[in-house]
Amino acid sequence: MPLSADDPSDHRLSGLRRRLALERIGGYLLSPDQAPAGTKRLNNLLHSSKLTEEVVEDELWQQADQKIERGREQGEDAAFDLGEQ
């Protein structure tokens, strides 16, 4: 039987999924050993009024530019896969 929007257990499950995703991303931000600190930083950022679409877009472009520059320094073609770390 599917859970309804009014079912409190559905809200708890949604919250659990969100916390697990934050913890996983927190581990990527710093290191697996520092996942709790990364999770806290990410949670604070997501609740910040300073976080806007423009800030996120600027950061993503900056990271992409850095990755391209590192590729050029290593003699890679500019068309390399941006999805790999």
Protein backbone atom coordinates (compact mmCIF):
# COMPACT_ATOMS: atom_id res chain seq x y z
CA MET A 1 0.00 0.00 0.00
CA PRO A 2 1.58 3.35 -1.04
CA LEU A 3 2.18 6.00 1.58
CA SER A 4 0.04 9.11 1.38
CA ALA A 5 1.18 12.72 1.78
CA ASP A 6 -0.65 12.76 5.11
CA ASP A 7 1.16 9.68 6.45
CA PRO A 8 3.69 10.77 9.11
CA SER A 9 5.93 7.81 8.27
CA ASP A 10 6.26 9.18 4.71
CA HIS A 11 7.58 12.48 6.08
CA ARG A 12 10.07 10.65 8.31
CA LEU A 13 11.26 8.57 5.34
CA SER A 14 11.69 11.70 3.23
CA GLY A 15 13.68 13.37 6.02
CA LEU A 16 15.85 10.28 6.40
CA ARG A 17 16.60 10.22 2.67
CA ARG A 18 17.52 13.91 2.77
CA ARG A 19 19.85 13.42 5.75
CA LEU A 20 21.52 10.41 4.10
CA ALA A 21 22.06 12.39 0.89
CA LEU A 22 23.53 15.31 2.87
CA GLU A 23 25.86 12.94 4.73
CA ARG A 24 27.05 11.36 1.50
CA ILE A 25 27.67 14.71 -0.17
CA GLY A 26 29.33 15.97 3.01
CA GLY A 27 31.85 13.15 2.67
CA TYR A 28 32.64 14.27 -0.87
CA LEU A 29 33.10 17.90 0.13
CA LEU A 30 35.93 17.24 2.54
CA SER A 31 36.84 13.58 3.00
CA PRO A 32 35.04 10.50 4.32
CA ASP A 33 36.75 11.02 7.69
CA GLN A 34 35.41 14.57 7.84
CA ALA A 35 31.92 13.78 6.49
CA PRO A 36 30.12 15.15 9.60
CA ALA A 37 31.84 18.54 9.18
CA GLY A 38 31.10 18.57 5.44
CA THR A 39 27.48 17.66 6.13
CA LYS A 40 27.16 20.51 8.63
CA ARG A 41 28.68 22.98 6.16
CA LEU A 42 26.36 21.83 3.39
CA ASN A 43 23.31 22.01 5.64
CA ASN A 44 24.24 25.55 6.74
CA LEU A 45 24.74 26.57 3.12
CA LEU A 46 21.39 25.15 2.01
CA HIS A 47 19.61 27.10 4.74
CA SER A 48 21.50 30.32 4.04
CA SER A 49 19.67 33.30 2.56
CA LYS A 50 22.91 34.06 0.67
CA LEU A 51 22.55 30.96 -1.51
CA THR A 52 21.09 31.97 -4.84
CA GLU A 53 20.94 30.41 -8.29
CA GLU A 54 23.56 32.90 -9.45
CA VAL A 55 25.99 31.88 -6.69
CA VAL A 56 25.62 28.19 -7.57
CA GLU A 57 25.96 28.86 -11.30
CA ASP A 58 29.09 30.98 -10.78
CA GLU A 59 30.68 28.27 -8.63
CA LEU A 60 29.93 25.55 -11.18
CA TRP A 61 31.41 27.62 -14.01
CA GLN A 62 34.50 28.35 -11.92
CA GLN A 63 34.98 24.64 -11.20
CA ALA A 64 34.52 23.79 -14.89
CA ASP A 65 37.06 26.42 -15.91
CA GLN A 66 39.56 25.05 -13.37
CA LYS A 67 39.05 21.51 -14.64
CA ILE A 68 39.62 22.62 -18.24
CA GLU A 69 42.76 24.49 -17.24
CA ARG A 70 44.12 21.42 -15.39
CA GLY A 71 43.40 19.35 -18.51
CA ARG A 72 45.26 21.80 -20.70
CA GLU A 73 48.22 21.77 -18.32
CA GLN A 74 48.29 17.99 -18.59
CA GLY A 75 48.11 18.18 -22.39
CA GLU A 76 44.55 16.87 -22.64
CA ASP A 77 42.11 17.89 -25.35
CA ALA A 78 39.60 20.56 -24.31
CA ALA A 79 36.78 18.14 -25.24
CA PHE A 80 37.57 15.72 -22.38
CA ASP A 81 34.83 14.45 -20.10
CA LEU A 82 33.93 17.04 -17.44
CA GLY A 83 32.01 14.42 -15.47
CA GLU A 84 35.09 12.64 -14.17
CA GLN A 85 37.02 13.92 -11.14
